[in-house]
Amino acid sequence: MKHPVPLIAIAALLSLSACGKSEPEVVGGPADPMADQIANAAPIELPPPVKASKQYRCKDNSLIFVDFLADDKTANLRTEKNGAPTKLTAAEAGGALKADGGFEVSGSGDQVSITVPGKGAQSCKA
């Protein structure tokens, strides 16, 4: 009884030996062209986390939403619950938070003074 298995194995070995690759296979593609720029880049500073989010009712019965950040020098103010935030900053921690256009928040507790463009400063409570 003849076995065809040895003949098939020999044929497979001969076909593989005919490939004859002389160069190694490159995996992962070329080197990163920006590797030097990334290595020499300045470290990235993440923004501070939200310390407190407050919703204030002001004297004119409007609602203002303020997110106070943990650095005590930055806050985000929104005039609508899902509106675009306005970034407010202070020169030093605990100071009045201001932005271009006339936005200002003085204080950070449950009672603050808020100025929004088109309205004067008004007292607001959380």
PDB file of N, CA and C in Angstrom:
ATOM      1  N   MET A   1       0.843  -1.159   0.000  1.00  0.00           N
ATOM      2  CA  MET A   1       0.000   0.000   0.000  1.00  0.00           C
ATOM      3  C   MET A   1       0.898   1.234   0.000  1.00  0.00           C
ATOM      4  N   LYS A   2       0.638   2.149  -0.914  1.00  0.00           N
ATOM      5  CA  LYS A   2       1.429   3.372  -1.036  1.00  0.00           C
ATOM      6  C   LYS A   2       0.760   4.490  -0.246  1.00  0.00           C
ATOM      7  N   HIS A   3       1.601   5.286   0.399  1.00  0.00           N
ATOM      8  CA  HIS A   3       1.084   6.421   1.179  1.00  0.00           C
ATOM      9  C   HIS A   3       1.404   7.716   0.443  1.00  0.00           C
ATOM     10  N   PRO A   4       0.402   8.508   0.080  1.00  0.00           N
ATOM     11  CA  PRO A   4       0.636   9.759  -0.632  1.00  0.00           C
ATOM     12  C   PRO A   4       1.119  10.890   0.288  1.00  0.00           C
ATOM     13  N   VAL A   5       1.075  10.712   1.581  1.00  0.00           N
ATOM     14  CA  VAL A   5       1.457  11.770   2.527  1.00  0.00           C
ATOM     15  C   VAL A   5       2.920  12.171   2.365  1.00  0.00           C
ATOM     16  N   PRO A   6       3.895  11.261   2.297  1.00  0.00           N
ATOM     17  CA  PRO A   6       5.276  11.702   2.146  1.00  0.00           C
ATOM     18  C   PRO A   6       5.504  12.474   0.857  1.00  0.00           C
ATOM     19  N   LEU A   7       4.837  12.132  -0.212  1.00  0.00           N
ATOM     20  CA  LEU A   7       5.008  12.856  -1.465  1.00  0.00           C
ATOM     21  C   LEU A   7       4.452  14.274  -1.363  1.00  0.00           C
ATOM     22  N   ILE A   8       3.334  14.445  -0.671  1.00  0.00           N
ATOM     23  CA  ILE A   8       2.736  15.770  -0.487  1.00  0.00           C
ATOM     24  C   ILE A   8       3.647  16.639   0.395  1.00  0.00           C
ATOM     25  N   ALA A   9       4.213  16.053   1.443  1.00  0.00           N
ATOM     26  CA  ALA A   9       5.109  16.796   2.330  1.00  0.00           C
ATOM     27  C   ALA A   9       6.352  17.253   1.581  1.00  0.00           C
ATOM     28  N   ILE A  10       6.921  16.412   0.752  1.00  0.00           N
ATOM     29  CA  ILE A  10       8.125  16.770  -0.011  1.00  0.00           C
ATOM     30  C   ILE A  10       7.800  17.881  -1.004  1.00  0.00           C
ATOM     31  N   ALA A  11       6.651  17.818  -1.645  1.00  0.00           N
ATOM     32  CA  ALA A  11       6.247  18.854  -2.602  1.00  0.00           C
ATOM     33  C   ALA A  11       6.064  20.197  -1.898  1.00  0.00           C
ATOM     34  N   ALA A  12       5.495  20.179  -0.703  1.00  0.00           N
ATOM     35  CA  ALA A  12       5.308  21.415   0.051  1.00  0.00           C
ATOM     36  C   ALA A  12       6.641  22.019   0.449  1.00  0.00           C
ATOM     37  N   LEU A  13       7.579  21.214   0.902  1.00  0.00           N
ATOM     38  CA  LEU A  13       8.905  21.724   1.280  1.00  0.00           C
ATOM     39  C   LEU A  13       9.632  22.315   0.089  1.00  0.00           C
ATOM     40  N   LEU A  14       9.525  21.693  -1.066  1.00  0.00           N
ATOM     41  CA  LEU A  14      10.182  22.226  -2.253  1.00  0.00           C
ATOM     42  C   LEU A  14       9.592  23.561  -2.681  1.00  0.00           C
ATOM     43  N   SER A  15       8.276  23.694  -2.579  1.00  0.00           N
ATOM     44  CA  SER A  15       7.652  24.957  -2.974  1.00  0.00           C
ATOM     45  C   SER A  15       8.009  26.080  -2.008  1.00  0.00           C
ATOM     46  N   LEU A  16       8.158  25.796  -0.720  1.00  0.00           N
ATOM     47  CA  LEU A  16       8.542  26.816   0.256  1.00  0.00           C
ATOM     48  C   LEU A  16       9.999  27.224   0.101  1.00  0.00           C
ATOM     49  N   SER A  17      10.846  26.290  -0.235  1.00  0.00           N
ATOM     50  CA  SER A  17      12.263  26.619  -0.380  1.00  0.00           C
ATOM     51  C   SER A  17      12.522  27.459  -1.615  1.00  0.00           C
ATOM     52  N   ALA A  18      11.587  27.489  -2.543  1.00  0.00           N
ATOM     53  CA  ALA A  18      11.758  28.266  -3.762  1.00  0.00           C
ATOM     54  C   ALA A  18      11.530  29.752  -3.518  1.00  0.00           C
ATOM     55  N   CYS A  19      10.867  30.142  -2.403  1.00  0.00           N
ATOM     56  CA  CYS A  19      10.596  31.560  -2.128  1.00  0.00           C
ATOM     57  C   CYS A  19      11.890  32.331  -1.992  1.00  0.00           C
ATOM     58  N   GLY A  20      12.789  31.897  -1.163  1.00  0.00           N
ATOM     59  CA  GLY A  20      14.115  32.481  -1.014  1.00  0.00           C
ATOM     60  C   GLY A  20      14.127  33.968  -0.712  1.00  0.00           C
ATOM     61  N   LYS A  21      13.419  34.431   0.288  1.00  0.00           N
ATOM     62  CA  LYS A  21      13.467  35.846   0.686  1.00  0.00           C
ATOM     63  C   LYS A  21      14.836  36.149   1.275  1.00  0.00           C
ATOM     64  N   SER A  22      15.438  37.228   0.809  1.00  0.00           N
ATOM     65  CA  SER A  22      16.738  37.601   1.342  1.00  0.00           C
ATOM     66  C   SER A  22      16.635  38.754   2.327  1.00  0.00           C
ATOM     67  N   GLU A  23      15.485  39.489   2.351  1.00  0.00           N
ATOM     68  CA  GLU A  23      15.306  40.614   3.261  1.00  0.00           C
ATOM     69  C   GLU A  23      14.301  40.235   4.348  1.00  0.00           C
ATOM     70  N   PRO A  24      14.534  40.734   5.582  1.00  0.00           N
ATOM     71  CA  PRO A  24      13.566  40.434   6.644  1.00  0.00           C
ATOM     72  C   PRO A  24      12.277  41.224   6.428  1.00  0.00           C
ATOM     73  N   GLU A  25      11.200  40.704   6.929  1.00  0.00           N
ATOM     74  CA  GLU A  25       9.912  41.374   6.816  1.00  0.00           C
ATOM     75  C   GLU A  25       9.849  42.519   7.826  1.00  0.00           C
ATOM     76  N   VAL A  26       9.426  43.706   7.359  1.00  0.00           N
ATOM     77  CA  VAL A  26       9.316  44.879   8.221  1.00  0.00           C
ATOM     78  C   VAL A  26       7.895  44.931   8.766  1.00  0.00           C
ATOM     79  N   VAL A  27       7.786  44.985  10.086  1.00  0.00           N
ATOM     80  CA  VAL A  27       6.484  45.042  10.732  1.00  0.00           C
ATOM     81  C   VAL A  27       6.359  46.389  11.423  1.00  0.00           C
ATOM     82  N   GLY A  28       5.242  47.081  11.228  1.00  0.00           N
ATOM     83  CA  GLY A  28       5.004  48.336  11.933  1.00  0.00           C
ATOM     84  C   GLY A  28       5.249  49.569  11.087  1.00  0.00           C
ATOM     85  N   GLY A  29       5.719  49.442   9.881  1.00  0.00           N
ATOM     86  CA  GLY A  29       5.896  50.585   8.994  1.00  0.00           C
ATOM     87  C   GLY A  29       7.134  51.391   9.316  1.00  0.00           C
ATOM     88  N   PRO A  30       7.273  52.546   8.652  1.00  0.00           N
ATOM     89  CA  PRO A  30       8.468  53.375   8.849  1.00  0.00           C
ATOM     90  C   PRO A  30       8.492  54.037  10.225  1.00  0.00           C
ATOM     91  N   ALA A  31       9.644  54.539  10.611  1.00  0.00           N
ATOM     92  CA  ALA A  31       9.789  55.217  11.907  1.00  0.00           C
ATOM     93  C   ALA A  31       8.945  56.487  11.928  1.00  0.00           C
ATOM     94  N   ASP A  32       8.573  56.930  13.098  1.00  0.00           N
ATOM     95  CA  ASP A  32       7.752  58.127  13.265  1.00  0.00           C
ATOM     96  C   ASP A  32       8.517  59.353  12.801  1.00  0.00           C
ATOM     97  N   PRO A  33       8.025  60.094  11.790  1.00  0.00           N
ATOM     98  CA  PRO A  33       8.742  61.276  11.305  1.00  0.00           C
ATOM     99  C   PRO A  33       8.740  62.444  12.299  1.00  0.00           C
ATOM    100  N   MET A  34       7.835  62.423  13.286  1.00  0.00           N
ATOM    101  CA  MET A  34       7.762  63.513  14.267  1.00  0.00           C
ATOM    102  C   MET A  34       8.351  63.122  15.615  1.00  0.00           C
ATOM    103  N   ALA A  35       9.068  62.023  15.684  1.00  0.00           N
ATOM    104  CA  ALA A  35       9.596  61.538  16.964  1.00  0.00           C
ATOM    105  C   ALA A  35      10.479  62.580  17.649  1.00  0.00           C
ATOM    106  N   ASP A  36      11.335  63.277  16.904  1.00  0.00           N
ATOM    107  CA  ASP A  36      12.217  64.288  17.504  1.00  0.00           C
ATOM    108  C   ASP A  36      11.405  65.476  18.031  1.00  0.00           C
ATOM    109  N   GLN A  37      10.427  65.929  17.264  1.00  0.00           N
ATOM    110  CA  GLN A  37       9.608  67.066  17.706  1.00  0.00           C
ATOM    111  C   GLN A  37       8.819  66.713  18.965  1.00  0.00           C
ATOM    112  N   ILE A  38       8.293  65.517  19.014  1.00  0.00           N
ATOM    113  CA  ILE A  38       7.510  65.094  20.185  1.00  0.00           C
ATOM    114  C   ILE A  38       8.404  64.952  21.407  1.00  0.00           C
ATOM    115  N   ALA A  39       9.606  64.414  21.212  1.00  0.00           N
ATOM    116  CA  ALA A  39      10.532  64.233  22.338  1.00  0.00           C
ATOM    117  C   ALA A  39      10.980  65.572  22.913  1.00  0.00           C
ATOM    118  N   ASN A  40      11.063  66.609  22.077  1.00  0.00           N
ATOM    119  CA  ASN A  40      11.540  67.921  22.522  1.00  0.00           C
ATOM    120  C   ASN A  40      10.415  68.890  22.850  1.00  0.00           C
ATOM    121  N   ALA A  41       9.168  68.458  22.746  1.00  0.00           N
ATOM    122  CA  ALA A  41       8.030  69.337  23.017  1.00  0.00           C
ATOM    123  C   ALA A  41       7.905  69.630  24.506  1.00  0.00           C
ATOM    124  N   ALA A  42       7.354  70.790  24.806  1.00  0.00           N
ATOM    125  CA  ALA A  42       7.119  71.174  26.197  1.00  0.00           C
ATOM    126  C   ALA A  42       6.040  70.269  26.795  1.00  0.00           C
ATOM    127  N   PRO A  43       6.087  70.014  28.094  1.00  0.00           N
ATOM    128  CA  PRO A  43       5.065  69.164  28.705  1.00  0.00           C
ATOM    129  C   PRO A  43       3.683  69.818  28.619  1.00  0.00           C
ATOM    130  N   ILE A  44       2.667  69.004  28.524  1.00  0.00           N
ATOM    131  CA  ILE A  44       1.295  69.486  28.412  1.00  0.00           C
ATOM    132  C   ILE A  44       0.682  69.565  29.800  1.00  0.00           C
ATOM    133  N   GLU A  45       0.040  70.690  30.071  1.00  0.00           N
ATOM    134  CA  GLU A  45      -0.621  70.861  31.366  1.00  0.00           C
ATOM    135  C   GLU A  45      -2.126  70.686  31.172  1.00  0.00           C
ATOM    136  N   LEU A  46      -2.691  69.756  31.892  1.00  0.00           N
ATOM    137  CA  LEU A  46      -4.130  69.504  31.798  1.00  0.00           C
ATOM    138  C   LEU A  46      -4.899  70.608  32.515  1.00  0.00           C
ATOM    139  N   PRO A  47      -6.108  70.914  32.054  1.00  0.00           N
ATOM    140  CA  PRO A  47      -6.905  71.918  32.758  1.00  0.00           C
ATOM    141  C   PRO A  47      -7.310  71.391  34.130  1.00  0.00           C
ATOM    142  N   PRO A  48      -7.543  72.293  35.069  1.00  0.00           N
ATOM    143  CA  PRO A  48      -7.946  71.847  36.406  1.00  0.00           C
ATOM    144  C   PRO A  48      -9.339  71.216  36.376  1.00  0.00           C
ATOM    145  N   PRO A  49      -9.607  70.294  37.292  1.00  0.00           N
ATOM    146  CA  PRO A  49     -10.939  69.679  37.346  1.00  0.00           C
ATOM    147  C   PRO A  49     -11.965  70.647  37.942  1.00  0.00           C
ATOM    148  N   VAL A  50     -13.226  70.323  37.739  1.00  0.00           N
ATOM    149  CA  VAL A  50     -14.320  71.137  38.291  1.00  0.00           C
ATOM    150  C   VAL A  50     -14.389  70.904  39.794  1.00  0.00           C
ATOM    151  N   LYS A  51     -14.336  72.001  40.534  1.00  0.00           N
ATOM    152  CA  LYS A  51     -14.410  71.941  41.998  1.00  0.00           C
ATOM    153  C   LYS A  51     -15.866  71.970  42.466  1.00  0.00           C
ATOM    154  N   ALA A  52     -16.664  72.828  41.829  1.00  0.00           N
ATOM    155  CA  ALA A  52     -18.079  72.947  42.189  1.00  0.00           C
ATOM    156  C   ALA A  52     -18.861  73.482  40.998  1.00  0.00           C
ATOM    157  N   SER A  53     -20.046  72.936  40.798  1.00  0.00           N
ATOM    158  CA  SER A  53     -20.971  73.444  39.777  1.00  0.00           C
ATOM    159  C   SER A  53     -22.166  74.036  40.501  1.00  0.00           C
ATOM    160  N   LYS A  54     -22.444  75.294  40.211  1.00  0.00           N
ATOM    161  CA  LYS A  54     -23.539  75.984  40.900  1.00  0.00           C
ATOM    162  C   LYS A  54     -24.513  76.560  39.880  1.00  0.00           C
ATOM    163  N   GLN A  55     -25.772  76.550  40.278  1.00  0.00           N
ATOM    164  CA  GLN A  55     -26.832  77.183  39.498  1.00  0.00           C
ATOM    165  C   GLN A  55     -27.340  78.347  40.344  1.00  0.00           C
ATOM    166  N   TYR A  56     -27.271  79.557  39.806  1.00  0.00           N
ATOM    167  CA  TYR A  56     -27.661  80.753  40.566  1.00  0.00           C
ATOM    168  C   TYR A  56     -28.936  81.360  39.995  1.00  0.00           C
ATOM    169  N   ARG A  57     -29.808  81.806  40.908  1.00  0.00           N
ATOM    170  CA  ARG A  57     -30.993  82.581  40.546  1.00  0.00           C
ATOM    171  C   ARG A  57     -30.664  84.021  40.909  1.00  0.00           C
ATOM    172  N   CYS A  58     -30.731  84.911  39.915  1.00  0.00           N
ATOM    173  CA  CYS A  58     -30.360  86.311  40.128  1.00  0.00           C
ATOM    174  C   CYS A  58     -31.585  87.181  40.408  1.00  0.00           C
ATOM    175  N   LYS A  59     -31.331  88.437  40.799  1.00  0.00           N
ATOM    176  CA  LYS A  59     -32.398  89.386  41.180  1.00  0.00           C
ATOM    177  C   LYS A  59     -33.424  89.563  40.060  1.00  0.00           C
ATOM    178  N   ASP A  60     -32.973  89.502  38.785  1.00  0.00           N
ATOM    179  CA  ASP A  60     -33.904  89.683  37.670  1.00  0.00           C
ATOM    180  C   ASP A  60     -34.608  88.375  37.294  1.00  0.00           C
ATOM    181  N   ASN A  61     -34.483  87.358  38.133  1.00  0.00           N
ATOM    182  CA  ASN A  61     -35.107  86.045  37.987  1.00  0.00           C
ATOM    183  C   ASN A  61     -34.473  85.189  36.884  1.00  0.00           C
ATOM    184  N   SER A  62     -33.303  85.574  36.417  1.00  0.00           N
ATOM    185  CA  SER A  62     -32.612  84.765  35.410  1.00  0.00           C
ATOM    186  C   SER A  62     -31.758  83.703  36.096  1.00  0.00           C
ATOM    187  N   LEU A  63     -31.440  82.652  35.358  1.00  0.00           N
ATOM    188  CA  LEU A  63     -30.564  81.594  35.863  1.00  0.00           C
ATOM    189  C   LEU A  63     -29.194  81.714  35.211  1.00  0.00           C
ATOM    190  N   ILE A  64     -28.159  81.546  36.024  1.00  0.00           N
ATOM    191  CA  ILE A  64     -26.766  81.551  35.548  1.00  0.00           C
ATOM    192  C   ILE A  64     -26.119  80.279  36.087  1.00  0.00           C
ATOM    193  N   PHE A  65     -25.373  79.605  35.248  1.00  0.00           N
ATOM    194  CA  PHE A  65     -24.712  78.348  35.613  1.00  0.00           C
ATOM    195  C   PHE A  65     -23.202  78.585  35.623  1.00  0.00           C
ATOM    196  N   VAL A  66     -22.548  78.276  36.753  1.00  0.00           N
ATOM    197  CA  VAL A  66     -21.115  78.512  36.892  1.00  0.00           C
ATOM    198  C   VAL A  66     -20.436  77.239  37.386  1.00  0.00           C
ATOM    199  N   ASP A  67     -19.378  76.835  36.669  1.00  0.00           N
ATOM    200  CA  ASP A  67     -18.524  75.715  37.082  1.00  0.00           C
ATOM    201  C   ASP A  67     -17.220  76.316  37.592  1.00  0.00           C
ATOM    202  N   PHE A  68     -16.971  76.210  38.892  1.00  0.00           N
ATOM    203  CA  PHE A  68     -15.737  76.706  39.493  1.00  0.00           C
ATOM    204  C   PHE A  68     -14.677  75.608  39.396  1.00  0.00           C
ATOM    205  N   LEU A  69     -13.487  75.949  38.920  1.00  0.00           N
ATOM    206  CA  LEU A  69     -12.427  74.966  38.752  1.00  0.00           C
ATOM    207  C   LEU A  69     -11.502  74.949  39.961  1.00  0.00           C
ATOM    208  N   ALA A  70     -10.781  73.858  40.143  1.00  0.00           N
ATOM    209  CA  ALA A  70      -9.993  73.611  41.354  1.00  0.00           C
ATOM    210  C   ALA A  70      -8.817  74.551  41.536  1.00  0.00           C
ATOM    211  N   ASP A  71      -8.374  75.254  40.503  1.00  0.00           N
ATOM    212  CA  ASP A  71      -7.242  76.174  40.670  1.00  0.00           C
ATOM    213  C   ASP A  71      -7.659  77.483  41.340  1.00  0.00           C
ATOM    214  N   ASP A  72      -8.945  77.688  41.583  1.00  0.00           N
ATOM    215  CA  ASP A  72      -9.514  78.892  42.207  1.00  0.00           C
ATOM    216  C   ASP A  72      -9.217  80.162  41.417  1.00  0.00           C
ATOM    217  N   LYS A  73      -8.802  80.018  40.145  1.00  0.00           N
ATOM    218  CA  LYS A  73      -8.552  81.165  39.278  1.00  0.00           C
ATOM    219  C   LYS A  73      -9.349  81.091  37.983  1.00  0.00           C
ATOM    220  N   THR A  74     -10.131  80.026  37.813  1.00  0.00           N
ATOM    221  CA  THR A  74     -10.838  79.813  36.560  1.00  0.00           C
ATOM    222  C   THR A  74     -12.259  79.317  36.830  1.00  0.00           C
ATOM    223  N   ALA A  75     -13.177  79.759  35.983  1.00  0.00           N
ATOM    224  CA  ALA A  75     -14.559  79.277  36.045  1.00  0.00           C
ATOM    225  C   ALA A  75     -15.145  79.324  34.639  1.00  0.00           C
ATOM    226  N   ASN A  76     -16.174  78.533  34.420  1.00  0.00           N
ATOM    227  CA  ASN A  76     -16.914  78.555  33.161  1.00  0.00           C
ATOM    228  C   ASN A  76     -18.329  79.000  33.472  1.00  0.00           C
ATOM    229  N   LEU A  77     -18.805  80.046  32.784  1.00  0.00           N
ATOM    230  CA  LEU A  77     -20.131  80.611  33.003  1.00  0.00           C
ATOM    231  C   LEU A  77     -20.997  80.328  31.789  1.00  0.00           C
ATOM    232  N   ARG A  78     -22.237  79.888  32.051  1.00  0.00           N
ATOM    233  CA  ARG A  78     -23.213  79.671  30.983  1.00  0.00           C
ATOM    234  C   ARG A  78     -24.492  80.399  31.344  1.00  0.00           C
ATOM    235  N   THR A  79     -25.099  81.053  30.367  1.00  0.00           N
ATOM    236  CA  THR A  79     -26.371  81.742  30.607  1.00  0.00           C
ATOM    237  C   THR A  79     -27.548  80.838  30.302  1.00  0.00           C
ATOM    238  N   GLU A  80     -27.295  79.685  29.675  1.00  0.00           N
ATOM    239  CA  GLU A  80     -28.311  78.656  29.433  1.00  0.00           C
ATOM    240  C   GLU A  80     -27.744  77.335  29.916  1.00  0.00           C
ATOM    241  N   LYS A  81     -28.612  76.437  30.369  1.00  0.00           N
ATOM    242  CA  LYS A  81     -28.146  75.177  30.952  1.00  0.00           C
ATOM    243  C   LYS A  81     -27.206  74.415  30.028  1.00  0.00           C
ATOM    244  N   ASN A  82     -27.528  74.311  28.758  1.00  0.00           N
ATOM    245  CA  ASN A  82     -26.690  73.595  27.804  1.00  0.00           C
ATOM    246  C   ASN A  82     -26.011  74.546  26.828  1.00  0.00           C
ATOM    247  N   GLY A  83     -25.890  75.820  27.207  1.00  0.00           N
ATOM    248  CA  GLY A  83     -25.276  76.814  26.340  1.00  0.00           C
ATOM    249  C   GLY A  83     -23.761  76.704  26.314  1.00  0.00           C
ATOM    250  N   ALA A  84     -23.160  77.471  25.433  1.00  0.00           N
ATOM    251  CA  ALA A  84     -21.698  77.500  25.306  1.00  0.00           C
ATOM    252  C   ALA A  84     -21.102  78.209  26.526  1.00  0.00           C
ATOM    253  N   PRO A  85     -20.045  77.635  27.114  1.00  0.00           N
ATOM    254  CA  PRO A  85     -19.442  78.271  28.293  1.00  0.00           C
ATOM    255  C   PRO A  85     -18.546  79.451  27.919  1.00  0.00           C
ATOM    256  N   THR A  86     -18.488  80.403  28.812  1.00  0.00           N
ATOM    257  CA  THR A  86     -17.551  81.516  28.711  1.00  0.00           C
ATOM    258  C   THR A  86     -16.509  81.318  29.796  1.00  0.00           C
ATOM    259  N   LYS A  87     -15.246  81.285  29.425  1.00  0.00           N
ATOM    260  CA  LYS A  87     -14.167  81.054  30.390  1.00  0.00           C
ATOM    261  C   LYS A  87     -13.839  82.358  31.110  1.00  0.00           C
ATOM    262  N   LEU A  88     -13.930  82.316  32.433  1.00  0.00           N
ATOM    263  CA  LEU A  88     -13.600  83.460  33.276  1.00  0.00           C
ATOM    264  C   LEU A  88     -12.290  83.154  33.999  1.00  0.00           C
ATOM    265  N   THR A  89     -11.428  84.161  34.134  1.00  0.00           N
ATOM    266  CA  THR A  89     -10.158  83.967  34.841  1.00  0.00           C
ATOM    267  C   THR A  89      -9.929  85.112  35.817  1.00  0.00           C
ATOM    268  N   ALA A  90      -9.129  84.813  36.825  1.00  0.00           N
ATOM    269  CA  ALA A  90      -8.748  85.809  37.827  1.00  0.00           C
ATOM    270  C   ALA A  90      -7.225  85.889  37.853  1.00  0.00           C
ATOM    271  N   ALA A  91      -6.711  87.074  38.199  1.00  0.00           N
ATOM    272  CA  ALA A  91      -5.263  87.261  38.283  1.00  0.00           C
ATOM    273  C   ALA A  91      -4.670  86.427  39.414  1.00  0.00           C
ATOM    274  N   GLU A  92      -5.400  86.311  40.515  1.00  0.00           N
ATOM    275  CA  GLU A  92      -4.929  85.508  41.649  1.00  0.00           C
ATOM    276  C   GLU A  92      -6.091  84.742  42.251  1.00  0.00           C
ATOM    277  N   ALA A  93      -5.780  83.673  42.942  1.00  0.00           N
ATOM    278  CA  ALA A  93      -6.806  82.818  43.525  1.00  0.00           C
ATOM    279  C   ALA A  93      -7.722  83.611  44.449  1.00  0.00           C
ATOM    280  N   GLY A  94      -9.024  83.427  44.292  1.00  0.00           N
ATOM    281  CA  GLY A  94      -9.998  84.110  45.138  1.00  0.00           C
ATOM    282  C   GLY A  94     -10.418  85.468  44.616  1.00  0.00           C
ATOM    283  N   GLY A  95      -9.767  85.971  43.569  1.00  0.00           N
ATOM    284  CA  GLY A  95     -10.114  87.275  43.007  1.00  0.00           C
ATOM    285  C   GLY A  95     -11.351  87.187  42.124  1.00  0.00           C
ATOM    286  N   ALA A  96     -11.802  88.359  41.652  1.00  0.00           N
ATOM    287  CA  ALA A  96     -12.960  88.407  40.766  1.00  0.00           C
ATOM    288  C   ALA A  96     -12.608  87.721  39.447  1.00  0.00           C
ATOM    289  N   LEU A  97     -13.508  86.880  38.972  1.00  0.00           N
ATOM    290  CA  LEU A  97     -13.323  86.152  37.718  1.00  0.00           C
ATOM    291  C   LEU A  97     -13.915  86.983  36.592  1.00  0.00           C
ATOM    292  N   LYS A  98     -13.125  87.246  35.539  1.00  0.00           N
ATOM    293  CA  LYS A  98     -13.568  88.133  34.454  1.00  0.00           C
ATOM    294  C   LYS A  98     -13.275  87.514  33.096  1.00  0.00           C
ATOM    295  N   ALA A  99     -14.052  87.953  32.102  1.00  0.00           N
ATOM    296  CA  ALA A  99     -13.824  87.571  30.712  1.00  0.00           C
ATOM    297  C   ALA A  99     -14.102  88.782  29.835  1.00  0.00           C
ATOM    298  N   ASP A 100     -13.528  88.783  28.645  1.00  0.00           N
ATOM    299  CA  ASP A 100     -13.795  89.856  27.688  1.00  0.00           C
ATOM    300  C   ASP A 100     -15.286  89.909  27.386  1.00  0.00           C
ATOM    301  N   GLY A 101     -15.775  91.090  27.137  1.00  0.00           N
ATOM    302  CA  GLY A 101     -17.184  91.242  26.813  1.00  0.00           C
ATOM    303  C   GLY A 101     -18.029  91.679  27.986  1.00  0.00           C
ATOM    304  N   GLY A 102     -17.456  91.775  29.177  1.00  0.00           N
ATOM    305  CA  GLY A 102     -18.206  92.270  30.318  1.00  0.00           C
ATOM    306  C   GLY A 102     -18.712  91.214  31.287  1.00  0.00           C
ATOM    307  N   PHE A 103     -18.261  89.989  31.167  1.00  0.00           N
ATOM    308  CA  PHE A 103     -18.656  88.948  32.126  1.00  0.00           C
ATOM    309  C   PHE A 103     -17.793  89.072  33.378  1.00  0.00           C
ATOM    310  N   GLU A 104     -18.433  88.931  34.551  1.00  0.00           N
ATOM    311  CA  GLU A 104     -17.682  88.957  35.812  1.00  0.00           C
ATOM    312  C   GLU A 104     -18.456  88.215  36.897  1.00  0.00           C
ATOM    313  N   VAL A 105     -17.718  87.458  37.716  1.00  0.00           N
ATOM    314  CA  VAL A 105     -18.293  86.790  38.883  1.00  0.00           C
ATOM    315  C   VAL A 105     -17.410  87.138  40.069  1.00  0.00           C
ATOM    316  N   SER A 106     -18.010  87.710  41.107  1.00  0.00           N
ATOM    317  CA  SER A 106     -17.295  88.014  42.346  1.00  0.00           C
ATOM    318  C   SER A 106     -17.838  87.103  43.430  1.00  0.00           C
ATOM    319  N   GLY A 107     -16.946  86.310  44.028  1.00  0.00           N
ATOM    320  CA  GLY A 107     -17.341  85.349  45.045  1.00  0.00           C
ATOM    321  C   GLY A 107     -17.411  83.953  44.442  1.00  0.00           C
ATOM    322  N   SER A 108     -17.559  82.954  45.338  1.00  0.00           N
ATOM    323  CA  SER A 108     -17.631  81.575  44.839  1.00  0.00           C
ATOM    324  C   SER A 108     -18.555  80.716  45.692  1.00  0.00           C
ATOM    325  N   GLY A 109     -19.229  81.306  46.629  1.00  0.00           N
ATOM    326  CA  GLY A 109     -20.103  80.530  47.521  1.00  0.00           C
ATOM    327  C   GLY A 109     -21.523  80.475  47.018  1.00  0.00           C
ATOM    328  N   ASP A 110     -22.460  80.452  47.985  1.00  0.00           N
ATOM    329  CA  ASP A 110     -23.870  80.376  47.626  1.00  0.00           C
ATOM    330  C   ASP A 110     -24.461  81.731  47.255  1.00  0.00           C
ATOM    331  N   GLN A 111     -23.764  82.811  47.549  1.00  0.00           N
ATOM    332  CA  GLN A 111     -24.217  84.143  47.159  1.00  0.00           C
ATOM    333  C   GLN A 111     -23.061  84.857  46.477  1.00  0.00           C
ATOM    334  N   VAL A 112     -23.275  85.266  45.221  1.00  0.00           N
ATOM    335  CA  VAL A 112     -22.236  85.915  44.432  1.00  0.00           C
ATOM    336  C   VAL A 112     -22.826  87.126  43.724  1.00  0.00           C
ATOM    337  N   SER A 113     -21.943  87.947  43.178  1.00  0.00           N
ATOM    338  CA  SER A 113     -22.339  89.061  42.329  1.00  0.00           C
ATOM    339  C   SER A 113     -21.918  88.697  40.909  1.00  0.00           C
ATOM    340  N   ILE A 114     -22.878  88.744  39.974  1.00  0.00           N
ATOM    341  CA  ILE A 114     -22.608  88.349  38.592  1.00  0.00           C
ATOM    342  C   ILE A 114     -22.967  89.498  37.660  1.00  0.00           C
ATOM    343  N   THR A 115     -22.053  89.780  36.752  1.00  0.00           N
ATOM    344  CA  THR A 115     -22.281  90.773  35.713  1.00  0.00           C
ATOM    345  C   THR A 115     -22.259  90.058  34.370  1.00  0.00           C
ATOM    346  N   VAL A 116     -23.318  90.250  33.591  1.00  0.00           N
ATOM    347  CA  VAL A 116     -23.432  89.680  32.247  1.00  0.00           C
ATOM    348  C   VAL A 116     -23.641  90.855  31.292  1.00  0.00           C
ATOM    349  N   PRO A 117     -23.065  90.807  30.080  1.00  0.00           N
ATOM    350  CA  PRO A 117     -23.252  91.910  29.132  1.00  0.00           C
ATOM    351  C   PRO A 117     -24.728  92.242  28.915  1.00  0.00           C
ATOM    352  N   GLY A 118     -25.035  93.520  28.905  1.00  0.00           N
ATOM    353  CA  GLY A 118     -26.401  93.975  28.736  1.00  0.00           C
ATOM    354  C   GLY A 118     -27.157  94.130  30.034  1.00  0.00           C
ATOM    355  N   LYS A 119     -26.579  93.641  31.128  1.00  0.00           N
ATOM    356  CA  LYS A 119     -27.195  93.766  32.461  1.00  0.00           C
ATOM    357  C   LYS A 119     -26.128  94.284  33.404  1.00  0.00           C
ATOM    358  N   GLY A 120     -26.529  94.990  34.412  1.00  0.00           N
ATOM    359  CA  GLY A 120     -25.586  95.443  35.429  1.00  0.00           C
ATOM    360  C   GLY A 120     -25.245  94.327  36.384  1.00  0.00           C
ATOM    361  N   ALA A 121     -24.369  94.624  37.325  1.00  0.00           N
ATOM    362  CA  ALA A 121     -24.036  93.650  38.349  1.00  0.00           C
ATOM    363  C   ALA A 121     -25.259  93.372  39.205  1.00  0.00           C
ATOM    364  N   GLN A 122     -25.484  92.124  39.522  1.00  0.00           N
ATOM    365  CA  GLN A 122     -26.638  91.779  40.356  1.00  0.00           C
ATOM    366  C   GLN A 122     -26.286  90.649  41.293  1.00  0.00           C
ATOM    367  N   SER A 123     -26.959  90.630  42.406  1.00  0.00           N
ATOM    368  CA  SER A 123     -26.767  89.599  43.411  1.00  0.00           C
ATOM    369  C   SER A 123     -27.495  88.329  42.970  1.00  0.00           C
ATOM    370  N   CYS A 124     -26.813  87.202  43.140  1.00  0.00           N
ATOM    371  CA  CYS A 124     -27.397  85.923  42.734  1.00  0.00           C
ATOM    372  C   CYS A 124     -27.180  84.896  43.844  1.00  0.00           C
ATOM    373  N   LYS A 125     -28.170  84.020  44.053  1.00  0.00           N
ATOM    374  CA  LYS A 125     -28.091  83.001  45.093  1.00  0.00           C
ATOM    375  C   LYS A 125     -28.185  81.605  44.474  1.00  0.00           C
ATOM    376  N   ALA A 126     -27.447  80.669  45.079  1.00  0.00           N
ATOM    377  CA  ALA A 126     -27.478  79.278  44.629  1.00  0.00           C
ATOM    378  C   ALA A 126     -28.709  78.594  45.159  1.00  0.00           C
TER     379      ALA A 126
END
